[in-house]
PDB file of N, CA and C in Angstrom:
ATOM      1  N   MET A   1      99.262 135.586  94.254  1.00  0.00           N
ATOM      2  CA  MET A   1      97.816 135.499  94.968  1.00  0.00           C
ATOM      3  C   MET A   1      97.997 133.542  95.476  1.00  0.00           C
ATOM      4  N   LYS A   2      97.849 133.097  96.577  1.00  0.00           N
ATOM      5  CA  LYS A   2      97.758 131.956  96.677  1.00  0.00           C
ATOM      6  C   LYS A   2      96.463 131.167  96.836  1.00  0.00           C
ATOM      7  N   HIS A   3      96.432 130.142  96.207  1.00  0.00           N
ATOM      8  CA  HIS A   3      95.035 129.379  96.118  1.00  0.00           C
ATOM      9  C   HIS A   3      94.964 127.767  96.992  1.00  0.00           C
ATOM     10  N   ILE A   4      94.187 127.877  97.896  1.00  0.00           N
ATOM     11  CA  ILE A   4      94.147 126.524  98.837  1.00  0.00           C
ATOM     12  C   ILE A   4      92.865 125.807  98.573  1.00  0.00           C
ATOM     13  N   ILE A   5      92.836 124.514  98.174  1.00  0.00           N
ATOM     14  CA  ILE A   5      91.762 123.582  98.458  1.00  0.00           C
ATOM     15  C   ILE A   5      91.926 122.829  99.295  1.00  0.00           C
ATOM     16  N   GLU A   6      90.673 122.676 100.069  1.00  0.00           N
ATOM     17  CA  GLU A   6      90.988 121.777 101.018  1.00  0.00           C
ATOM     18  C   GLU A   6      89.497 120.981 100.929  1.00  0.00           C
ATOM     19  N   VAL A   7      89.764 119.625 101.343  1.00  0.00           N
ATOM     20  CA  VAL A   7      88.751 117.926 101.336  1.00  0.00           C
ATOM     21  C   VAL A   7      88.796 117.820 103.087  1.00  0.00           C
ATOM     22  N   ASN A   8      88.097 118.277 103.772  1.00  0.00           N
ATOM     23  CA  ASN A   8      88.245 117.929 105.186  1.00  0.00           C
ATOM     24  C   ASN A   8      87.071 117.194 105.844  1.00  0.00           C
ATOM     25  N   GLY A   9      87.740 116.372 106.894  1.00  0.00           N
ATOM     26  CA  GLY A   9      86.632 115.592 107.326  1.00  0.00           C
ATOM     27  C   GLY A   9      86.167 114.165 106.669  1.00  0.00           C
ATOM     28  N   ILE A  10      86.966 113.717 105.855  1.00  0.00           N
ATOM     29  CA  ILE A  10      86.726 112.384 105.137  1.00  0.00           C
ATOM     30  C   ILE A  10      86.591 111.245 105.821  1.00  0.00           C
ATOM     31  N   LYS A  11      85.688 111.079 106.260  1.00  0.00           N
ATOM     32  CA  LYS A  11      85.382 109.678 107.279  1.00  0.00           C
ATOM     33  C   LYS A  11      85.359 108.297 106.615  1.00  0.00           C
ATOM     34  N   VAL A  12      86.481 107.576 107.079  1.00  0.00           N
ATOM     35  CA  VAL A  12      86.601 106.093 106.692  1.00  0.00           C
ATOM     36  C   VAL A  12      86.723 105.386 107.863  1.00  0.00           C
ATOM     37  N   TYR A  13      86.140 103.957 107.735  1.00  0.00           N
ATOM     38  CA  TYR A  13      86.414 102.812 108.826  1.00  0.00           C
ATOM     39  C   TYR A  13      87.396 102.033 108.471  1.00  0.00           C
ATOM     40  N   ALA A  14      88.403 102.037 109.060  1.00  0.00           N
ATOM     41  CA  ALA A  14      89.566 101.247 108.530  1.00  0.00           C
ATOM     42  C   ALA A  14      90.497 100.275 109.822  1.00  0.00           C
ATOM     43  N   PHE A  15      91.050  99.537 109.296  1.00  0.00           N
ATOM     44  CA  PHE A  15      91.800  98.651 110.081  1.00  0.00           C
ATOM     45  C   PHE A  15      93.487  98.601 110.333  1.00  0.00           C
ATOM     46  N   HIS A  16      93.618 100.131 110.676  1.00  0.00           N
ATOM     47  CA  HIS A  16      95.045 100.094 110.919  1.00  0.00           C
ATOM     48  C   HIS A  16      95.692 100.226 112.544  1.00  0.00           C
ATOM     49  N   GLY A  17      96.420  99.840 112.703  1.00  0.00           N
ATOM     50  CA  GLY A  17      96.875  99.402 114.465  1.00  0.00           C
ATOM     51  C   GLY A  17      98.386  98.304 114.172  1.00  0.00           C
ATOM     52  N   CYS A  18      98.686  98.543 115.412  1.00  0.00           N
ATOM     53  CA  CYS A  18      99.682  97.612 115.921  1.00  0.00           C
ATOM     54  C   CYS A  18      99.285  96.329 116.382  1.00  0.00           C
ATOM     55  N   LEU A  19      98.324  96.518 116.929  1.00  0.00           N
ATOM     56  CA  LEU A  19      97.452  95.493 117.881  1.00  0.00           C
ATOM     57  C   LEU A  19      96.716  94.430 116.491  1.00  0.00           C
ATOM     58  N   PRO A  20      96.856  93.205 116.973  1.00  0.00           N
ATOM     59  CA  PRO A  20      95.860  92.266 116.012  1.00  0.00           C
ATOM     60  C   PRO A  20      94.549  92.672 115.870  1.00  0.00           C
ATOM     61  N   GLU A  21      94.010  93.152 117.350  1.00  0.00           N
ATOM     62  CA  GLU A  21      92.464  93.062 117.415  1.00  0.00           C
ATOM     63  C   GLU A  21      92.281  94.524 116.487  1.00  0.00           C
ATOM     64  N   GLU A  22      92.937  95.510 116.108  1.00  0.00           N
ATOM     65  CA  GLU A  22      92.776  96.337 115.288  1.00  0.00           C
ATOM     66  C   GLU A  22      92.759  95.958 113.769  1.00  0.00           C
ATOM     67  N   GLY A  23      93.268  94.824 113.426  1.00  0.00           N
ATOM     68  CA  GLY A  23      93.177  94.690 112.303  1.00  0.00           C
ATOM     69  C   GLY A  23      91.857  93.874 112.140  1.00  0.00           C
ATOM     70  N   LYS A  24      91.240  93.207 112.818  1.00  0.00           N
ATOM     71  CA  LYS A  24      90.046  92.480 113.096  1.00  0.00           C
ATOM     72  C   LYS A  24      88.753  93.389 113.057  1.00  0.00           C
ATOM     73  N   ILE A  25      88.925  94.207 114.293  1.00  0.00           N
ATOM     74  CA  ILE A  25      87.862  95.074 114.647  1.00  0.00           C
ATOM     75  C   ILE A  25      87.781  96.439 113.762  1.00  0.00           C
ATOM     76  N   GLY A  26      88.837  96.868 113.740  1.00  0.00           N
ATOM     77  CA  GLY A  26      88.863  98.387 112.844  1.00  0.00           C
ATOM     78  C   GLY A  26      88.561  99.348 113.942  1.00  0.00           C
ATOM     79  N   GLY A  27      88.289 100.588 113.053  1.00  0.00           N
ATOM     80  CA  GLY A  27      88.174 101.636 113.978  1.00  0.00           C
ATOM     81  C   GLY A  27      87.873 103.080 113.130  1.00  0.00           C
ATOM     82  N   ASN A  28      87.308 104.331 113.444  1.00  0.00           N
ATOM     83  CA  ASN A  28      87.115 105.034 112.757  1.00  0.00           C
ATOM     84  C   ASN A  28      88.124 106.392 112.642  1.00  0.00           C
ATOM     85  N   TYR A  29      88.369 106.702 111.528  1.00  0.00           N
ATOM     86  CA  TYR A  29      89.398 107.788 111.267  1.00  0.00           C
ATOM     87  C   TYR A  29      88.359 108.982 110.225  1.00  0.00           C
ATOM     88  N   THR A  30      89.176 110.047 110.419  1.00  0.00           N
ATOM     89  CA  THR A  30      89.155 110.999 109.793  1.00  0.00           C
ATOM     90  C   THR A  30      90.620 111.686 109.056  1.00  0.00           C
ATOM     91  N   VAL A  31      90.220 112.109 107.871  1.00  0.00           N
ATOM     92  CA  VAL A  31      91.444 112.825 106.964  1.00  0.00           C
ATOM     93  C   VAL A  31      91.180 113.910 106.666  1.00  0.00           C
ATOM     94  N   ASP A  32      91.989 114.937 106.714  1.00  0.00           N
ATOM     95  CA  ASP A  32      91.725 116.337 106.164  1.00  0.00           C
ATOM     96  C   ASP A  32      92.753 116.462 105.054  1.00  0.00           C
ATOM     97  N   VAL A  33      92.873 116.939 103.871  1.00  0.00           N
ATOM     98  CA  VAL A  33      93.708 117.219 102.785  1.00  0.00           C
ATOM     99  C   VAL A  33      93.432 118.816 102.379  1.00  0.00           C
ATOM    100  N   SER A  34      94.700 119.297 102.663  1.00  0.00           N
ATOM    101  CA  SER A  34      94.861 120.720 102.019  1.00  0.00           C
ATOM    102  C   SER A  34      95.931 121.034 100.862  1.00  0.00           C
ATOM    103  N   MET A  35      95.560 121.487  99.792  1.00  0.00           N
ATOM    104  CA  MET A  35      96.088 121.496  98.660  1.00  0.00           C
ATOM    105  C   MET A  35      96.651 123.053  98.201  1.00  0.00           C
ATOM    106  N   ALA A  36      97.896 123.672  98.203  1.00  0.00           N
ATOM    107  CA  ALA A  36      98.187 124.560  97.479  1.00  0.00           C
ATOM    108  C   ALA A  36      98.355 124.225  96.001  1.00  0.00           C
ATOM    109  N   THR A  37      97.587 125.432  95.284  1.00  0.00           N
ATOM    110  CA  THR A  37      97.333 124.903  94.006  1.00  0.00           C
ATOM    111  C   THR A  37      97.651 126.615  93.272  1.00  0.00           C
ATOM    112  N   ASN A  38      96.888 126.824  92.184  1.00  0.00           N
ATOM    113  CA  ASN A  38      96.612 127.947  91.216  1.00  0.00           C
ATOM    114  C   ASN A  38      95.073 127.637  90.584  1.00  0.00           C
ATOM    115  N   PHE A  39      93.934 128.023  91.222  1.00  0.00           N
ATOM    116  CA  PHE A  39      92.945 127.999  90.523  1.00  0.00           C
ATOM    117  C   PHE A  39      92.413 129.085  90.000  1.00  0.00           C
ATOM    118  N   GLY A  40      92.881 129.993  89.580  1.00  0.00           N
ATOM    119  CA  GLY A  40      92.771 131.451  88.792  1.00  0.00           C
ATOM    120  C   GLY A  40      92.159 131.293  87.497  1.00  0.00           C
ATOM    121  N   SER A  41      92.609 130.006  86.645  1.00  0.00           N
ATOM    122  CA  SER A  41      91.690 129.983  85.471  1.00  0.00           C
ATOM    123  C   SER A  41      90.438 129.456  85.620  1.00  0.00           C
ATOM    124  N   ALA A  42      90.295 128.439  86.482  1.00  0.00           N
ATOM    125  CA  ALA A  42      88.838 127.774  87.024  1.00  0.00           C
ATOM    126  C   ALA A  42      88.027 128.994  87.577  1.00  0.00           C
ATOM    127  N   ALA A  43      88.499 129.739  88.246  1.00  0.00           N
ATOM    128  CA  ALA A  43      87.448 131.030  88.966  1.00  0.00           C
ATOM    129  C   ALA A  43      87.096 131.678  87.915  1.00  0.00           C
ATOM    130  N   ILE A  44      87.913 131.860  86.674  1.00  0.00           N
ATOM    131  CA  ILE A  44      87.260 132.592  86.108  1.00  0.00           C
ATOM    132  C   ILE A  44      86.394 132.309  84.844  1.00  0.00           C
ATOM    133  N   SER A  45      86.754 131.018  84.348  1.00  0.00           N
ATOM    134  CA  SER A  45      86.221 129.861  83.424  1.00  0.00           C
ATOM    135  C   SER A  45      85.142 129.226  84.225  1.00  0.00           C
ATOM    136  N   ASP A  46      85.020 128.717  85.632  1.00  0.00           N
ATOM    137  CA  ASP A  46      83.967 127.842  85.933  1.00  0.00           C
ATOM    138  C   ASP A  46      84.239 126.370  85.170  1.00  0.00           C
ATOM    139  N   GLN A  47      85.342 126.210  85.059  1.00  0.00           N
ATOM    140  CA  GLN A  47      85.523 124.397  84.519  1.00  0.00           C
ATOM    141  C   GLN A  47      86.190 123.898  85.104  1.00  0.00           C
ATOM    142  N   LEU A  48      85.772 122.736  85.977  1.00  0.00           N
ATOM    143  CA  LEU A  48      86.238 121.794  86.648  1.00  0.00           C
ATOM    144  C   LEU A  48      87.674 121.172  86.086  1.00  0.00           C
ATOM    145  N   SER A  49      87.805 121.400  84.575  1.00  0.00           N
ATOM    146  CA  SER A  49      89.155 120.789  84.192  1.00  0.00           C
ATOM    147  C   SER A  49      90.044 121.766  84.439  1.00  0.00           C
ATOM    148  N   GLU A  50      89.931 122.856  85.270  1.00  0.00           N
ATOM    149  CA  GLU A  50      91.223 123.796  85.179  1.00  0.00           C
ATOM    150  C   GLU A  50      91.522 123.669  86.986  1.00  0.00           C
ATOM    151  N   THR A  51      90.641 123.013  87.667  1.00  0.00           N
ATOM    152  CA  THR A  51      91.298 122.843  89.054  1.00  0.00           C
ATOM    153  C   THR A  51      91.367 121.216  89.723  1.00  0.00           C
ATOM    154  N   ILE A  52      91.260 121.437  91.050  1.00  0.00           N
ATOM    155  CA  ILE A  52      91.620 119.948  91.453  1.00  0.00           C
ATOM    156  C   ILE A  52      90.154 119.406  91.885  1.00  0.00           C
ATOM    157  N   ASP A  53      89.701 118.354  91.431  1.00  0.00           N
ATOM    158  CA  ASP A  53      88.521 117.501  91.537  1.00  0.00           C
ATOM    159  C   ASP A  53      88.625 116.847  92.796  1.00  0.00           C
ATOM    160  N   TYR A  54      87.373 117.313  93.791  1.00  0.00           N
ATOM    161  CA  TYR A  54      87.136 116.760  95.321  1.00  0.00           C
ATOM    162  C   TYR A  54      87.400 115.379  95.109  1.00  0.00           C
ATOM    163  N   VAL A  55      86.531 114.854  94.320  1.00  0.00           N
ATOM    164  CA  VAL A  55      85.996 113.152  94.145  1.00  0.00           C
ATOM    165  C   VAL A  55      87.371 112.662  93.778  1.00  0.00           C
ATOM    166  N   ASP A  56      88.167 113.120  93.196  1.00  0.00           N
ATOM    167  CA  ASP A  56      89.802 112.369  93.029  1.00  0.00           C
ATOM    168  C   ASP A  56      90.544 112.273  94.525  1.00  0.00           C
ATOM    169  N   VAL A  57      90.273 113.378  94.870  1.00  0.00           N
ATOM    170  CA  VAL A  57      91.119 113.889  96.427  1.00  0.00           C
ATOM    171  C   VAL A  57      90.614 112.425  97.376  1.00  0.00           C
ATOM    172  N   ASN A  58      89.169 112.453  97.240  1.00  0.00           N
ATOM    173  CA  ASN A  58      88.426 111.612  98.269  1.00  0.00           C
ATOM    174  C   ASN A  58      88.584 110.208  97.776  1.00  0.00           C
ATOM    175  N   ARG A  59      88.633 109.751  96.607  1.00  0.00           N
ATOM    176  CA  ARG A  59      88.638 108.738  95.916  1.00  0.00           C
ATOM    177  C   ARG A  59      90.324 108.199  96.781  1.00  0.00           C
ATOM    178  N   ILE A  60      91.222 108.818  96.284  1.00  0.00           N
ATOM    179  CA  ILE A  60      92.409 108.556  96.779  1.00  0.00           C
ATOM    180  C   ILE A  60      92.650 108.237  98.412  1.00  0.00           C
ATOM    181  N   VAL A  61      92.210 108.965  98.973  1.00  0.00           N
ATOM    182  CA  VAL A  61      92.017 108.745 100.530  1.00  0.00           C
ATOM    183  C   VAL A  61      91.389 107.426 100.855  1.00  0.00           C
ATOM    184  N   VAL A  62      90.113 106.982 100.556  1.00  0.00           N
ATOM    185  CA  VAL A  62      89.523 105.973 100.623  1.00  0.00           C
ATOM    186  C   VAL A  62      90.305 104.555 100.353  1.00  0.00           C
ATOM    187  N   GLU A  63      90.854 105.010  99.170  1.00  0.00           N
ATOM    188  CA  GLU A  63      91.570 103.534  98.596  1.00  0.00           C
ATOM    189  C   GLU A  63      92.955 103.570  99.531  1.00  0.00           C
ATOM    190  N   GLU A  64      93.287 104.454  99.816  1.00  0.00           N
ATOM    191  CA  GLU A  64      94.796 103.939 100.466  1.00  0.00           C
ATOM    192  C   GLU A  64      94.502 103.596 102.304  1.00  0.00           C
ATOM    193  N   MET A  65      93.378 104.642 102.345  1.00  0.00           N
ATOM    194  CA  MET A  65      92.817 103.925 104.084  1.00  0.00           C
ATOM    195  C   MET A  65      92.529 102.729 103.977  1.00  0.00           C
ATOM    196  N   ALA A  66      92.132 102.117 102.739  1.00  0.00           N
ATOM    197  CA  ALA A  66      91.585 100.426 102.706  1.00  0.00           C
ATOM    198  C   ALA A  66      92.575  99.861 102.919  1.00  0.00           C
ATOM    199  N   VAL A  67      93.470  99.980 102.733  1.00  0.00           N
ATOM    200  CA  VAL A  67      94.842  99.191 102.850  1.00  0.00           C
ATOM    201  C   VAL A  67      95.485  99.689 103.947  1.00  0.00           C
ATOM    202  N   ARG A  68      95.229  97.883 104.878  1.00  0.00           N
ATOM    203  CA  ARG A  68      95.828  98.157 106.169  1.00  0.00           C
ATOM    204  C   ARG A  68      97.588  98.418 106.389  1.00  0.00           C
ATOM    205  N   SER A  69      97.619  99.292 107.573  1.00  0.00           N
ATOM    206  CA  SER A  69      99.051  99.279 107.804  1.00  0.00           C
ATOM    207  C   SER A  69      99.154  99.534 109.388  1.00  0.00           C
ATOM    208  N   LYS A  70     100.068  99.075 109.978  1.00  0.00           N
ATOM    209  CA  LYS A  70     100.365  99.317 111.448  1.00  0.00           C
ATOM    210  C   LYS A  70     100.252 100.630 111.928  1.00  0.00           C
ATOM    211  N   LEU A  71     101.014 101.510 110.893  1.00  0.00           N
ATOM    212  CA  LEU A  71     100.923 103.055 111.702  1.00  0.00           C
ATOM    213  C   LEU A  71      99.958 104.062 110.831  1.00  0.00           C
ATOM    214  N   ILE A  72      99.340 104.901 111.155  1.00  0.00           N
ATOM    215  CA  ILE A  72      98.881 105.790 110.309  1.00  0.00           C
ATOM    216  C   ILE A  72     100.010 106.929 109.923  1.00  0.00           C
ATOM    217  N   GLU A  73     101.015 106.910 110.125  1.00  0.00           N
ATOM    218  CA  GLU A  73     102.011 107.538 109.338  1.00  0.00           C
ATOM    219  C   GLU A  73     102.367 107.052 108.172  1.00  0.00           C
ATOM    220  N   HIS A  74     102.147 105.507 107.997  1.00  0.00           N
ATOM    221  CA  HIS A  74     102.503 104.991 106.874  1.00  0.00           C
ATOM    222  C   HIS A  74     101.352 105.302 105.796  1.00  0.00           C
ATOM    223  N   ALA A  75      99.875 104.805 106.118  1.00  0.00           N
ATOM    224  CA  ALA A  75      98.845 105.264 105.530  1.00  0.00           C
ATOM    225  C   ALA A  75      98.917 106.976 105.077  1.00  0.00           C
ATOM    226  N   GLY A  76      99.256 107.739 105.897  1.00  0.00           N
ATOM    227  CA  GLY A  76      99.256 109.106 105.814  1.00  0.00           C
ATOM    228  C   GLY A  76     100.328 109.526 104.565  1.00  0.00           C
ATOM    229  N   GLN A  77     101.395 108.986 104.640  1.00  0.00           N
ATOM    230  CA  GLN A  77     102.440 109.060 103.345  1.00  0.00           C
ATOM    231  C   GLN A  77     102.203 108.545 102.290  1.00  0.00           C
ATOM    232  N   ARG A  78     101.209 107.399 102.243  1.00  0.00           N
ATOM    233  CA  ARG A  78     100.703 106.651 100.935  1.00  0.00           C
ATOM    234  C   ARG A  78      99.618 107.628 100.353  1.00  0.00           C
ATOM    235  N   ILE A  79      98.926 108.094 101.273  1.00  0.00           N
ATOM    236  CA  ILE A  79      98.056 109.294 100.906  1.00  0.00           C
ATOM    237  C   ILE A  79      98.682 110.527  99.961  1.00  0.00           C
ATOM    238  N   VAL A  80     100.043 110.984 100.379  1.00  0.00           N
ATOM    239  CA  VAL A  80     100.438 111.902  99.901  1.00  0.00           C
ATOM    240  C   VAL A  80     101.111 111.556  98.428  1.00  0.00           C
ATOM    241  N   ASN A  81     101.895 110.555  98.586  1.00  0.00           N
ATOM    242  CA  ASN A  81     102.573 109.911  97.376  1.00  0.00           C
ATOM    243  C   ASN A  81     101.417 110.022  96.339  1.00  0.00           C
ATOM    244  N   ARG A  82     100.417 109.327  96.384  1.00  0.00           N
ATOM    245  CA  ARG A  82      99.518 109.031  95.642  1.00  0.00           C
ATOM    246  C   ARG A  82      98.768 110.551  95.070  1.00  0.00           C
ATOM    247  N   ILE A  83      98.821 111.343  95.750  1.00  0.00           N
ATOM    248  CA  ILE A  83      98.093 112.845  95.332  1.00  0.00           C
ATOM    249  C   ILE A  83      98.906 113.229  94.606  1.00  0.00           C
ATOM    250  N   LYS A  84     100.515 113.514  95.076  1.00  0.00           N
ATOM    251  CA  LYS A  84     101.570 114.096  94.151  1.00  0.00           C
ATOM    252  C   LYS A  84     101.649 113.357  92.965  1.00  0.00           C
ATOM    253  N   LYS A  85     101.298 112.198  92.861  1.00  0.00           N
ATOM    254  CA  LYS A  85     101.626 111.345  91.462  1.00  0.00           C
ATOM    255  C   LYS A  85     100.367 111.983  90.482  1.00  0.00           C
ATOM    256  N   GLU A  86      99.357 111.724  91.066  1.00  0.00           N
ATOM    257  CA  GLU A  86      97.895 111.603  90.178  1.00  0.00           C
ATOM    258  C   GLU A  86      97.036 112.864  89.872  1.00  0.00           C
ATOM    259  N   ILE A  87      97.405 113.871  90.970  1.00  0.00           N
ATOM    260  CA  ILE A  87      96.794 115.143  90.827  1.00  0.00           C
ATOM    261  C   ILE A  87      97.917 116.380  90.510  1.00  0.00           C
ATOM    262  N   LYS A  88      97.121 117.017  89.326  1.00  0.00           N
ATOM    263  CA  LYS A  88      98.280 117.880  88.936  1.00  0.00           C
ATOM    264  C   LYS A  88      97.878 119.237  89.402  1.00  0.00           C
ATOM    265  N   ASN A  89      99.098 119.969  89.311  1.00  0.00           N
ATOM    266  CA  ASN A  89      98.899 121.493  89.988  1.00  0.00           C
ATOM    267  C   ASN A  89      99.109 121.483  91.249  1.00  0.00           C
ATOM    268  N   VAL A  90      99.239 120.470  92.088  1.00  0.00           N
ATOM    269  CA  VAL A  90      99.474 120.871  93.519  1.00  0.00           C
ATOM    270  C   VAL A  90     101.056 121.123  93.794  1.00  0.00           C
ATOM    271  N   HIS A  91     101.064 122.306  94.047  1.00  0.00           N
ATOM    272  CA  HIS A  91     102.205 122.800  94.624  1.00  0.00           C
ATOM    273  C   HIS A  91     102.929 122.530  96.077  1.00  0.00           C
ATOM    274  N   SER A  92     102.117 122.514  96.995  1.00  0.00           N
ATOM    275  CA  SER A  92     102.099 122.019  98.545  1.00  0.00           C
ATOM    276  C   SER A  92     101.119 121.188  98.776  1.00  0.00           C
ATOM    277  N   LEU A  93     101.270 120.513 100.002  1.00  0.00           N
ATOM    278  CA  LEU A  93     100.108 119.426 100.590  1.00  0.00           C
ATOM    279  C   LEU A  93     100.404 119.549 101.905  1.00  0.00           C
ATOM    280  N   ARG A  94      99.118 119.286 102.410  1.00  0.00           N
ATOM    281  CA  ARG A  94      99.154 119.029 103.796  1.00  0.00           C
ATOM    282  C   ARG A  94      98.027 117.841 104.231  1.00  0.00           C
ATOM    283  N   VAL A  95      98.498 116.875 104.810  1.00  0.00           N
ATOM    284  CA  VAL A  95      97.285 115.813 105.179  1.00  0.00           C
ATOM    285  C   VAL A  95      97.537 115.346 106.691  1.00  0.00           C
ATOM    286  N   LYS A  96      95.985 115.424 107.153  1.00  0.00           N
ATOM    287  CA  LYS A  96      96.232 115.161 108.591  1.00  0.00           C
ATOM    288  C   LYS A  96      95.439 113.749 108.423  1.00  0.00           C
ATOM    289  N   VAL A  97      95.801 112.543 109.262  1.00  0.00           N
ATOM    290  CA  VAL A  97      94.933 111.582 109.343  1.00  0.00           C
ATOM    291  C   VAL A  97      94.714 111.121 110.942  1.00  0.00           C
ATOM    292  N   VAL A  98      93.780 111.393 111.183  1.00  0.00           N
ATOM    293  CA  VAL A  98      92.844 111.334 112.771  1.00  0.00           C
ATOM    294  C   VAL A  98      92.524 109.946 112.841  1.00  0.00           C
ATOM    295  N   LYS A  99      92.881 109.005 113.932  1.00  0.00           N
ATOM    296  CA  LYS A  99      92.692 108.076 114.580  1.00  0.00           C
ATOM    297  C   LYS A  99      91.512 108.338 115.681  1.00  0.00           C
ATOM    298  N   ILE A 100      90.076 107.833 115.811  1.00  0.00           N
ATOM    299  CA  ILE A 100      89.288 108.586 116.682  1.00  0.00           C
ATOM    300  C   ILE A 100      89.230 107.172 118.056  1.00  0.00           C
ATOM    301  N   CYS A 101      89.208 107.503 119.268  1.00  0.00           N
ATOM    302  CA  CYS A 101      89.483 106.828 120.243  1.00  0.00           C
ATOM    303  C   CYS A 101      90.524 105.691 120.066  1.00  0.00           C
ATOM    304  N   PRO A 102      91.676 105.742 120.080  1.00  0.00           N
ATOM    305  CA  PRO A 102      92.637 104.847 119.988  1.00  0.00           C
ATOM    306  C   PRO A 102      92.839 104.143 121.187  1.00  0.00           C
ATOM    307  N   PRO A 103      93.285 102.701 121.273  1.00  0.00           N
ATOM    308  CA  PRO A 103      93.551 102.176 122.245  1.00  0.00           C
ATOM    309  C   PRO A 103      94.701 102.119 122.799  1.00  0.00           C
ATOM    310  N   ILE A 104      94.922 103.453 123.637  1.00  0.00           N
ATOM    311  CA  ILE A 104      96.407 103.513 124.122  1.00  0.00           C
ATOM    312  C   ILE A 104      96.152 103.586 125.712  1.00  0.00           C
ATOM    313  N   ASN A 105      95.164 103.126 126.117  1.00  0.00           N
ATOM    314  CA  ASN A 105      95.221 102.975 127.897  1.00  0.00           C
ATOM    315  C   ASN A 105      95.173 104.252 128.222  1.00  0.00           C
ATOM    316  N   GLY A 106      94.312 105.180 127.808  1.00  0.00           N
ATOM    317  CA  GLY A 106      93.961 106.270 128.360  1.00  0.00           C
ATOM    318  C   GLY A 106      92.817 107.037 127.703  1.00  0.00           C
ATOM    319  N   ASP A 107      92.403 107.976 128.317  1.00  0.00           N
ATOM    320  CA  ASP A 107      91.000 108.456 128.071  1.00  0.00           C
ATOM    321  C   ASP A 107      91.171 109.697 126.951  1.00  0.00           C
ATOM    322  N   VAL A 108      91.440 109.618 125.733  1.00  0.00           N
ATOM    323  CA  VAL A 108      91.847 110.165 124.970  1.00  0.00           C
ATOM    324  C   VAL A 108      90.824 110.319 123.422  1.00  0.00           C
ATOM    325  N   ASN A 109      90.445 111.570 123.119  1.00  0.00           N
ATOM    326  CA  ASN A 109      89.643 111.484 121.683  1.00  0.00           C
ATOM    327  C   ASN A 109      90.250 111.179 120.526  1.00  0.00           C
ATOM    328  N   ASN A 110      91.046 111.425 119.872  1.00  0.00           N
ATOM    329  CA  ASN A 110      92.096 111.051 118.974  1.00  0.00           C
ATOM    330  C   ASN A 110      93.580 111.122 119.287  1.00  0.00           C
ATOM    331  N   VAL A 111      94.010 110.622 118.071  1.00  0.00           N
ATOM    332  CA  VAL A 111      95.727 110.706 117.959  1.00  0.00           C
ATOM    333  C   VAL A 111      95.511 111.021 116.380  1.00  0.00           C
ATOM    334  N   ALA A 112      96.674 112.020 116.129  1.00  0.00           N
ATOM    335  CA  ALA A 112      96.947 112.170 114.790  1.00  0.00           C
ATOM    336  C   ALA A 112      98.347 112.639 114.115  1.00  0.00           C
ATOM    337  N   ILE A 113      98.301 112.553 112.944  1.00  0.00           N
ATOM    338  CA  ILE A 113      99.669 112.673 112.147  1.00  0.00           C
ATOM    339  C   ILE A 113      99.452 113.793 111.208  1.00  0.00           C
ATOM    340  N   ILE A 114     100.446 114.287 111.040  1.00  0.00           N
ATOM    341  CA  ILE A 114     100.524 115.615 110.000  1.00  0.00           C
ATOM    342  C   ILE A 114     101.524 115.342 108.851  1.00  0.00           C
ATOM    343  N   ILE A 115     101.159 115.286 107.882  1.00  0.00           N
ATOM    344  CA  ILE A 115     102.706 115.563 107.043  1.00  0.00           C
ATOM    345  C   ILE A 115     102.518 116.724 106.048  1.00  0.00           C
ATOM    346  N   GLU A 116     103.388 117.540 105.671  1.00  0.00           N
ATOM    347  CA  GLU A 116     103.363 118.411 105.029  1.00  0.00           C
ATOM    348  C   GLU A 116     104.547 118.556 104.042  1.00  0.00           C
ATOM    349  N   GLY A 117     104.470 119.211 102.893  1.00  0.00           N
ATOM    350  CA  GLY A 117     105.292 118.972 102.106  1.00  0.00           C
ATOM    351  C   GLY A 117     105.035 119.683 100.628  1.00  0.00           C
TER     352      GLY A 117
END
């Protein structure tokens, strides 16, 4: 049986981007995290200690998004690295970082990167 835990739409205001203005003004981002795990024990025992705590996932995302990067690719990889390091029983992981209204001289809602592994 496959178990997936998702923490979606984590909203952060961050200062990523190649333009100097982006480092001063900042912008809105959302992050989605999907983790394959095994929460069979937690489903039976009803104990948080036997599954992934959403609070920990949110904290890692917020902390890593607070560190300025030129590229959301870099911020996304830091999130992946921290989750793999700090959260037990993550068999595979998908992180999506969305930059809302990017300054790319076009009418676009957002740009996004996805890292799976």
